[in-house]
PDB file of N, CA and C in Angstrom:
ATOM      1  N   MET A   1       6.150  -5.916 -13.499  1.00  0.00           N
ATOM      2  CA  MET A   1       6.120  -7.349 -13.625  1.00  0.00           C
ATOM      3  C   MET A   1       5.147  -7.896 -12.575  1.00  0.00           C
ATOM      4  N   PRO A   2       4.244  -8.759 -12.987  1.00  0.00           N
ATOM      5  CA  PRO A   2       3.247  -9.262 -12.037  1.00  0.00           C
ATOM      6  C   PRO A   2       3.863 -10.190 -10.992  1.00  0.00           C
ATOM      7  N   ILE A   3       3.204 -10.233  -9.857  1.00  0.00           N
ATOM      8  CA  ILE A   3       3.623 -11.145  -8.797  1.00  0.00           C
ATOM      9  C   ILE A   3       3.150 -12.542  -9.178  1.00  0.00           C
ATOM     10  N   LYS A   4       4.058 -13.504  -9.148  1.00  0.00           N
ATOM     11  CA  LYS A   4       3.704 -14.877  -9.467  1.00  0.00           C
ATOM     12  C   LYS A   4       3.973 -15.749  -8.254  1.00  0.00           C
ATOM     13  N   TRP A   5       3.031 -16.600  -7.960  1.00  0.00           N
ATOM     14  CA  TRP A   5       3.197 -17.540  -6.860  1.00  0.00           C
ATOM     15  C   TRP A   5       2.924 -18.926  -7.409  1.00  0.00           C
ATOM     16  N   TYR A   6       3.945 -19.764  -7.375  1.00  0.00           N
ATOM     17  CA  TYR A   6       3.825 -21.097  -7.936  1.00  0.00           C
ATOM     18  C   TYR A   6       3.413 -22.081  -6.844  1.00  0.00           C
ATOM     19  N   GLY A   7       2.485 -22.931  -7.164  1.00  0.00           N
ATOM     20  CA  GLY A   7       2.026 -23.922  -6.206  1.00  0.00           C
ATOM     21  C   GLY A   7       0.909 -23.375  -5.335  1.00  0.00           C
ATOM     22  N   ASN A   8       0.558 -24.146  -4.333  1.00  0.00           N
ATOM     23  CA  ASN A   8      -0.471 -23.737  -3.388  1.00  0.00           C
ATOM     24  C   ASN A   8       0.120 -22.769  -2.373  1.00  0.00           C
ATOM     25  N   GLY A   9      -0.660 -21.796  -1.998  1.00  0.00           N
ATOM     26  CA  GLY A   9      -0.203 -20.825  -1.017  1.00  0.00           C
ATOM     27  C   GLY A   9      -0.296 -21.361   0.400  1.00  0.00           C
ATOM     28  N   ASP A  10       0.717 -21.067   1.182  1.00  0.00           N
ATOM     29  CA  ASP A  10       0.733 -21.453   2.589  1.00  0.00           C
ATOM     30  C   ASP A  10       0.452 -20.204   3.404  1.00  0.00           C
ATOM     31  N   SER A  11      -0.667 -20.167   4.079  1.00  0.00           N
ATOM     32  CA  SER A  11      -1.049 -18.958   4.811  1.00  0.00           C
ATOM     33  C   SER A  11      -0.139 -18.665   5.998  1.00  0.00           C
ATOM     34  N   GLU A  12       0.745 -19.573   6.351  1.00  0.00           N
ATOM     35  CA  GLU A  12       1.699 -19.341   7.442  1.00  0.00           C
ATOM     36  C   GLU A  12       3.036 -18.787   6.932  1.00  0.00           C
ATOM     37  N   ASP A  13       3.260 -18.817   5.618  1.00  0.00           N
ATOM     38  CA  ASP A  13       4.506 -18.332   5.035  1.00  0.00           C
ATOM     39  C   ASP A  13       4.522 -16.803   5.058  1.00  0.00           C
ATOM     40  N   PRO A  14       5.558 -16.168   5.643  1.00  0.00           N
ATOM     41  CA  PRO A  14       5.582 -14.707   5.719  1.00  0.00           C
ATOM     42  C   PRO A  14       5.651 -14.021   4.359  1.00  0.00           C
ATOM     43  N   ILE A  15       6.325 -14.621   3.391  1.00  0.00           N
ATOM     44  CA  ILE A  15       6.395 -14.027   2.053  1.00  0.00           C
ATOM     45  C   ILE A  15       5.021 -14.071   1.391  1.00  0.00           C
ATOM     46  N   TYR A  16       4.323 -15.173   1.542  1.00  0.00           N
ATOM     47  CA  TYR A  16       2.968 -15.291   1.001  1.00  0.00           C
ATOM     48  C   TYR A  16       2.039 -14.245   1.638  1.00  0.00           C
ATOM     49  N   LYS A  17       2.153 -14.071   2.949  1.00  0.00           N
ATOM     50  CA  LYS A  17       1.337 -13.059   3.636  1.00  0.00           C
ATOM     51  C   LYS A  17       1.654 -11.659   3.126  1.00  0.00           C
ATOM     52  N   HIS A  18       2.944 -11.389   2.894  1.00  0.00           N
ATOM     53  CA  HIS A  18       3.348 -10.062   2.402  1.00  0.00           C
ATOM     54  C   HIS A  18       2.772  -9.811   1.008  1.00  0.00           C
ATOM     55  N   PHE A  19       2.864 -10.807   0.120  1.00  0.00           N
ATOM     56  CA  PHE A  19       2.282 -10.644  -1.210  1.00  0.00           C
ATOM     57  C   PHE A  19       0.768 -10.472  -1.123  1.00  0.00           C
ATOM     58  N   SER A  20       0.139 -11.164  -0.202  1.00  0.00           N
ATOM     59  CA  SER A  20      -1.302 -11.019  -0.012  1.00  0.00           C
ATOM     60  C   SER A  20      -1.655  -9.600   0.434  1.00  0.00           C
ATOM     61  N   ARG A  21      -0.850  -9.032   1.330  1.00  0.00           N
ATOM     62  CA  ARG A  21      -1.091  -7.651   1.762  1.00  0.00           C
ATOM     63  C   ARG A  21      -0.886  -6.669   0.617  1.00  0.00           C
ATOM     64  N   ILE A  22       0.092  -6.926  -0.235  1.00  0.00           N
ATOM     65  CA  ILE A  22       0.330  -6.050  -1.393  1.00  0.00           C
ATOM     66  C   ILE A  22      -0.860  -6.100  -2.346  1.00  0.00           C
ATOM     67  N   VAL A  23      -1.352  -7.301  -2.619  1.00  0.00           N
ATOM     68  CA  VAL A  23      -2.502  -7.444  -3.512  1.00  0.00           C
ATOM     69  C   VAL A  23      -3.731  -6.752  -2.915  1.00  0.00           C
ATOM     70  N   ASN A  24      -3.952  -6.902  -1.620  1.00  0.00           N
ATOM     71  CA  ASN A  24      -5.075  -6.222  -0.967  1.00  0.00           C
ATOM     72  C   ASN A  24      -4.935  -4.712  -1.060  1.00  0.00           C
ATOM     73  N   PHE A  25      -3.705  -4.193  -0.922  1.00  0.00           N
ATOM     74  CA  PHE A  25      -3.494  -2.759  -1.040  1.00  0.00           C
ATOM     75  C   PHE A  25      -3.786  -2.283  -2.462  1.00  0.00           C
ATOM     76  N   VAL A  26      -3.372  -3.027  -3.454  1.00  0.00           N
ATOM     77  CA  VAL A  26      -3.625  -2.643  -4.844  1.00  0.00           C
ATOM     78  C   VAL A  26      -5.125  -2.633  -5.132  1.00  0.00           C
ATOM     79  N   ILE A  27      -5.851  -3.621  -4.611  1.00  0.00           N
ATOM     80  CA  ILE A  27      -7.307  -3.632  -4.776  1.00  0.00           C
ATOM     81  C   ILE A  27      -7.926  -2.418  -4.084  1.00  0.00           C
ATOM     82  N   HIS A  28      -7.431  -2.075  -2.908  1.00  0.00           N
ATOM     83  CA  HIS A  28      -7.905  -0.896  -2.190  1.00  0.00           C
ATOM     84  C   HIS A  28      -7.666   0.363  -3.035  1.00  0.00           C
ATOM     85  N   CYS A  29      -6.497   0.463  -3.668  1.00  0.00           N
ATOM     86  CA  CYS A  29      -6.194   1.617  -4.530  1.00  0.00           C
ATOM     87  C   CYS A  29      -7.145   1.687  -5.718  1.00  0.00           C
ATOM     88  N   MET A  30      -7.434   0.544  -6.319  1.00  0.00           N
ATOM     89  CA  MET A  30      -8.335   0.542  -7.477  1.00  0.00           C
ATOM     90  C   MET A  30      -9.751   0.964  -7.087  1.00  0.00           C
ATOM     91  N   VAL A  31     -10.225   0.472  -5.952  1.00  0.00           N
ATOM     92  CA  VAL A  31     -11.566   0.859  -5.501  1.00  0.00           C
ATOM     93  C   VAL A  31     -11.596   2.352  -5.163  1.00  0.00           C
ATOM     94  N   PHE A  32     -10.558   2.843  -4.489  1.00  0.00           N
ATOM     95  CA  PHE A  32     -10.467   4.258  -4.167  1.00  0.00           C
ATOM     96  C   PHE A  32     -10.518   5.108  -5.434  1.00  0.00           C
ATOM     97  N   THR A  33      -9.719   4.743  -6.423  1.00  0.00           N
ATOM     98  CA  THR A  33      -9.669   5.516  -7.661  1.00  0.00           C
ATOM     99  C   THR A  33     -11.018   5.501  -8.377  1.00  0.00           C
ATOM    100  N   ALA A  34     -11.647   4.350  -8.457  1.00  0.00           N
ATOM    101  CA  ALA A  34     -12.929   4.251  -9.145  1.00  0.00           C
ATOM    102  C   ALA A  34     -14.022   5.050  -8.433  1.00  0.00           C
ATOM    103  N   VAL A  35     -14.089   4.923  -7.121  1.00  0.00           N
ATOM    104  CA  VAL A  35     -15.156   5.607  -6.373  1.00  0.00           C
ATOM    105  C   VAL A  35     -14.941   7.121  -6.357  1.00  0.00           C
ATOM    106  N   VAL A  36     -13.722   7.548  -6.097  1.00  0.00           N
ATOM    107  CA  VAL A  36     -13.464   8.991  -6.022  1.00  0.00           C
ATOM    108  C   VAL A  36     -13.625   9.642  -7.395  1.00  0.00           C
ATOM    109  N   SER A  37     -13.125   9.016  -8.442  1.00  0.00           N
ATOM    110  CA  SER A  37     -13.274   9.623  -9.768  1.00  0.00           C
ATOM    111  C   SER A  37     -14.728   9.614 -10.225  1.00  0.00           C
ATOM    112  N   GLY A  38     -15.455   8.539  -9.930  1.00  0.00           N
ATOM    113  CA  GLY A  38     -16.870   8.504 -10.278  1.00  0.00           C
ATOM    114  C   GLY A  38     -17.681   9.528  -9.511  1.00  0.00           C
ATOM    115  N   THR A  39     -17.384   9.682  -8.235  1.00  0.00           N
ATOM    116  CA  THR A  39     -18.088  10.685  -7.428  1.00  0.00           C
ATOM    117  C   THR A  39     -17.752  12.089  -7.900  1.00  0.00           C
ATOM    118  N   TRP A  40     -16.486  12.317  -8.244  1.00  0.00           N
ATOM    119  CA  TRP A  40     -16.086  13.623  -8.749  1.00  0.00           C
ATOM    120  C   TRP A  40     -16.806  13.945 -10.058  1.00  0.00           C
ATOM    121  N   LEU A  41     -16.911  12.953 -10.968  1.00  0.00           N
ATOM    122  CA  LEU A  41     -17.614  13.163 -12.231  1.00  0.00           C
ATOM    123  C   LEU A  41     -19.089  13.461 -11.982  1.00  0.00           C
ATOM    124  N   PHE A  42     -19.715  12.712 -11.088  1.00  0.00           N
ATOM    125  CA  PHE A  42     -21.116  12.952 -10.725  1.00  0.00           C
ATOM    126  C   PHE A  42     -21.292  14.361 -10.170  1.00  0.00           C
ATOM    127  N   LYS A  43     -20.340  14.796  -9.346  1.00  0.00           N
ATOM    128  CA  LYS A  43     -20.389  16.133  -8.749  1.00  0.00           C
ATOM    129  C   LYS A  43     -20.246  17.212  -9.821  1.00  0.00           C
ATOM    130  N   GLU A  44     -19.338  17.024 -10.747  1.00  0.00           N
ATOM    131  CA  GLU A  44     -19.095  18.026 -11.782  1.00  0.00           C
ATOM    132  C   GLU A  44     -20.229  18.115 -12.789  1.00  0.00           C
ATOM    133  N   ILE A  45     -20.885  17.018 -13.073  1.00  0.00           N
ATOM    134  CA  ILE A  45     -21.936  17.023 -14.090  1.00  0.00           C
ATOM    135  C   ILE A  45     -23.218  17.648 -13.565  1.00  0.00           C
ATOM    136  N   LYS A  46     -23.651  17.238 -12.411  1.00  0.00           N
ATOM    137  CA  LYS A  46     -25.012  17.588 -12.028  1.00  0.00           C
ATOM    138  C   LYS A  46     -25.167  18.186 -10.635  1.00  0.00           C
ATOM    139  N   HIS A  47     -24.580  17.570  -9.642  1.00  0.00           N
ATOM    140  CA  HIS A  47     -24.924  17.893  -8.264  1.00  0.00           C
ATOM    141  C   HIS A  47     -23.744  18.504  -7.528  1.00  0.00           C
ATOM    142  N   ASP A  48     -24.075  19.335  -6.572  1.00  0.00           N
ATOM    143  CA  ASP A  48     -23.048  19.899  -5.706  1.00  0.00           C
ATOM    144  C   ASP A  48     -22.972  19.043  -4.440  1.00  0.00           C
ATOM    145  N   LEU A  49     -21.884  18.316  -4.297  1.00  0.00           N
ATOM    146  CA  LEU A  49     -21.685  17.464  -3.135  1.00  0.00           C
ATOM    147  C   LEU A  49     -20.712  18.158  -2.187  1.00  0.00           C
ATOM    148  N   VAL A  50     -21.220  18.689  -1.103  1.00  0.00           N
ATOM    149  CA  VAL A  50     -20.378  19.459  -0.193  1.00  0.00           C
ATOM    150  C   VAL A  50     -19.433  18.576   0.605  1.00  0.00           C
ATOM    151  N   PHE A  51     -19.757  17.314   0.736  1.00  0.00           N
ATOM    152  CA  PHE A  51     -18.938  16.399   1.538  1.00  0.00           C
ATOM    153  C   PHE A  51     -17.799  15.769   0.731  1.00  0.00           C
ATOM    154  N   PHE A  52     -17.743  16.020  -0.570  1.00  0.00           N
ATOM    155  CA  PHE A  52     -16.803  15.289  -1.426  1.00  0.00           C
ATOM    156  C   PHE A  52     -15.341  15.488  -1.016  1.00  0.00           C
ATOM    157  N   ASN A  53     -14.927  16.713  -0.758  1.00  0.00           N
ATOM    158  CA  ASN A  53     -13.521  16.955  -0.410  1.00  0.00           C
ATOM    159  C   ASN A  53     -13.134  16.246   0.886  1.00  0.00           C
ATOM    160  N   ASN A  54     -13.970  16.341   1.894  1.00  0.00           N
ATOM    161  CA  ASN A  54     -13.683  15.658   3.158  1.00  0.00           C
ATOM    162  C   ASN A  54     -13.676  14.140   2.985  1.00  0.00           C
ATOM    163  N   PHE A  55     -14.591  13.635   2.184  1.00  0.00           N
ATOM    164  CA  PHE A  55     -14.660  12.205   1.896  1.00  0.00           C
ATOM    165  C   PHE A  55     -13.383  11.715   1.216  1.00  0.00           C
ATOM    166  N   ALA A  56     -12.945  12.436   0.186  1.00  0.00           N
ATOM    167  CA  ALA A  56     -11.749  12.037  -0.560  1.00  0.00           C
ATOM    168  C   ALA A  56     -10.496  12.135   0.305  1.00  0.00           C
ATOM    169  N   ILE A  57     -10.394  13.175   1.095  1.00  0.00           N
ATOM    170  CA  ILE A  57      -9.219  13.333   1.963  1.00  0.00           C
ATOM    171  C   ILE A  57      -9.192  12.254   3.041  1.00  0.00           C
ATOM    172  N   ALA A  58     -10.334  11.982   3.646  1.00  0.00           N
ATOM    173  CA  ALA A  58     -10.383  10.947   4.692  1.00  0.00           C
ATOM    174  C   ALA A  58     -10.008   9.583   4.125  1.00  0.00           C
ATOM    175  N   TRP A  59     -10.527   9.262   2.952  1.00  0.00           N
ATOM    176  CA  TRP A  59     -10.207   7.971   2.361  1.00  0.00           C
ATOM    177  C   TRP A  59      -8.739   7.914   1.939  1.00  0.00           C
ATOM    178  N   ALA A  60      -8.181   9.031   1.475  1.00  0.00           N
ATOM    179  CA  ALA A  60      -6.760   9.065   1.118  1.00  0.00           C
ATOM    180  C   ALA A  60      -5.875   8.840   2.347  1.00  0.00           C
ATOM    181  N   VAL A  61      -6.284   9.367   3.486  1.00  0.00           N
ATOM    182  CA  VAL A  61      -5.538   9.137   4.730  1.00  0.00           C
ATOM    183  C   VAL A  61      -5.606   7.655   5.111  1.00  0.00           C
ATOM    184  N   ILE A  62      -6.774   7.054   4.977  1.00  0.00           N
ATOM    185  CA  ILE A  62      -6.919   5.630   5.263  1.00  0.00           C
ATOM    186  C   ILE A  62      -6.073   4.803   4.296  1.00  0.00           C
ATOM    187  N   LEU A  63      -6.060   5.191   3.035  1.00  0.00           N
ATOM    188  CA  LEU A  63      -5.245   4.485   2.043  1.00  0.00           C
ATOM    189  C   LEU A  63      -3.755   4.618   2.365  1.00  0.00           C
ATOM    190  N   SER A  64      -3.334   5.786   2.793  1.00  0.00           N
ATOM    191  CA  SER A  64      -1.934   5.987   3.184  1.00  0.00           C
ATOM    192  C   SER A  64      -1.565   5.144   4.393  1.00  0.00           C
ATOM    193  N   SER A  65      -2.475   5.053   5.346  1.00  0.00           N
ATOM    194  CA  SER A  65      -2.191   4.217   6.518  1.00  0.00           C
ATOM    195  C   SER A  65      -2.143   2.734   6.139  1.00  0.00           C
ATOM    196  N   HIS A  66      -2.922   2.332   5.148  1.00  0.00           N
ATOM    197  CA  HIS A  66      -2.858   0.962   4.652  1.00  0.00           C
ATOM    198  C   HIS A  66      -1.487   0.695   4.023  1.00  0.00           C
ATOM    199  N   LEU A  67      -0.975   1.652   3.257  1.00  0.00           N
ATOM    200  CA  LEU A  67       0.359   1.505   2.671  1.00  0.00           C
ATOM    201  C   LEU A  67       1.427   1.427   3.759  1.00  0.00           C
ATOM    202  N   LEU A  68       1.302   2.246   4.775  1.00  0.00           N
ATOM    203  CA  LEU A  68       2.244   2.205   5.888  1.00  0.00           C
ATOM    204  C   LEU A  68       2.193   0.845   6.591  1.00  0.00           C
ATOM    205  N   PHE A  69       1.009   0.300   6.762  1.00  0.00           N
ATOM    206  CA  PHE A  69       0.855  -1.028   7.358  1.00  0.00           C
ATOM    207  C   PHE A  69       1.568  -2.094   6.529  1.00  0.00           C
ATOM    208  N   VAL A  70       1.452  -2.000   5.198  1.00  0.00           N
ATOM    209  CA  VAL A  70       2.126  -2.962   4.321  1.00  0.00           C
ATOM    210  C   VAL A  70       3.638  -2.853   4.492  1.00  0.00           C
ATOM    211  N   PHE A  71       4.159  -1.636   4.575  1.00  0.00           N
ATOM    212  CA  PHE A  71       5.603  -1.450   4.762  1.00  0.00           C
ATOM    213  C   PHE A  71       6.071  -1.958   6.125  1.00  0.00           C
ATOM    214  N   ILE A  72       5.298  -1.691   7.159  1.00  0.00           N
ATOM    215  CA  ILE A  72       5.686  -2.106   8.511  1.00  0.00           C
ATOM    216  C   ILE A  72       5.675  -3.625   8.638  1.00  0.00           C
ATOM    217  N   LYS A  73       4.721  -4.293   8.031  1.00  0.00           N
ATOM    218  CA  LYS A  73       4.582  -5.743   8.161  1.00  0.00           C
ATOM    219  C   LYS A  73       5.466  -6.525   7.191  1.00  0.00           C
ATOM    220  N   LYS A  74       6.303  -5.849   6.418  1.00  0.00           N
ATOM    221  CA  LYS A  74       7.194  -6.541   5.491  1.00  0.00           C
ATOM    222  C   LYS A  74       8.135  -7.445   6.284  1.00  0.00           C
ATOM    223  N   PRO A  75       8.311  -8.690   5.832  1.00  0.00           N
ATOM    224  CA  PRO A  75       9.211  -9.602   6.567  1.00  0.00           C
ATOM    225  C   PRO A  75      10.632  -9.054   6.623  1.00  0.00           C
ATOM    226  N   LYS A  76      11.304  -9.279   7.737  1.00  0.00           N
ATOM    227  CA  LYS A  76      12.655  -8.748   7.939  1.00  0.00           C
ATOM    228  C   LYS A  76      13.663  -9.384   6.988  1.00  0.00           C
ATOM    229  N   ASP A  77      13.563 -10.689   6.784  1.00  0.00           N
ATOM    230  CA  ASP A  77      14.520 -11.393   5.942  1.00  0.00           C
ATOM    231  C   ASP A  77      13.953 -11.641   4.548  1.00  0.00           C
ATOM    232  N   TYR A  78      13.300 -10.628   4.010  1.00  0.00           N
ATOM    233  CA  TYR A  78      12.638 -10.733   2.705  1.00  0.00           C
ATOM    234  C   TYR A  78      13.634 -11.055   1.591  1.00  0.00           C
ATOM    235  N   LYS A  79      14.786 -10.426   1.577  1.00  0.00           N
ATOM    236  CA  LYS A  79      15.763 -10.632   0.509  1.00  0.00           C
ATOM    237  C   LYS A  79      16.359 -12.047   0.544  1.00  0.00           C
ATOM    238  N   LYS A  80      16.609 -12.568   1.734  1.00  0.00           N
ATOM    239  CA  LYS A  80      17.184 -13.912   1.844  1.00  0.00           C
ATOM    240  C   LYS A  80      16.199 -14.968   1.365  1.00  0.00           C
ATOM    241  N   GLN A  81      14.915 -14.806   1.654  1.00  0.00           N
ATOM    242  CA  GLN A  81      13.934 -15.822   1.313  1.00  0.00           C
ATOM    243  C   GLN A  81      13.529 -15.783  -0.157  1.00  0.00           C
ATOM    244  N   SER A  82      13.703 -14.641  -0.808  1.00  0.00           N
ATOM    245  CA  SER A  82      13.241 -14.527  -2.185  1.00  0.00           C
ATOM    246  C   SER A  82      14.261 -15.036  -3.191  1.00  0.00           C
ATOM    247  N   THR A  83      15.480 -15.395  -2.756  1.00  0.00           N
ATOM    248  CA  THR A  83      16.494 -15.868  -3.726  1.00  0.00           C
ATOM    249  C   THR A  83      16.525 -17.362  -3.786  1.00  0.00           C
TER     250      THR A  83
END
């Protein structure tokens, strides 16, 4: 189910900030998937890219740390504010 935010967003609202971090993480995942899969296809079709495995692993570690950041920054009283 998509995240819906009614009205204008308040950049000081912790729930709004949390949803913003989630959306940024999802965009990061989409860019990661597109770049890594495109690079892998380019590597398989024509060229031998020796750096590809290290590149993909390093970016996956960065993506994992981004997910951890989203979890750590989740508001403490998230359940009370969302009802």
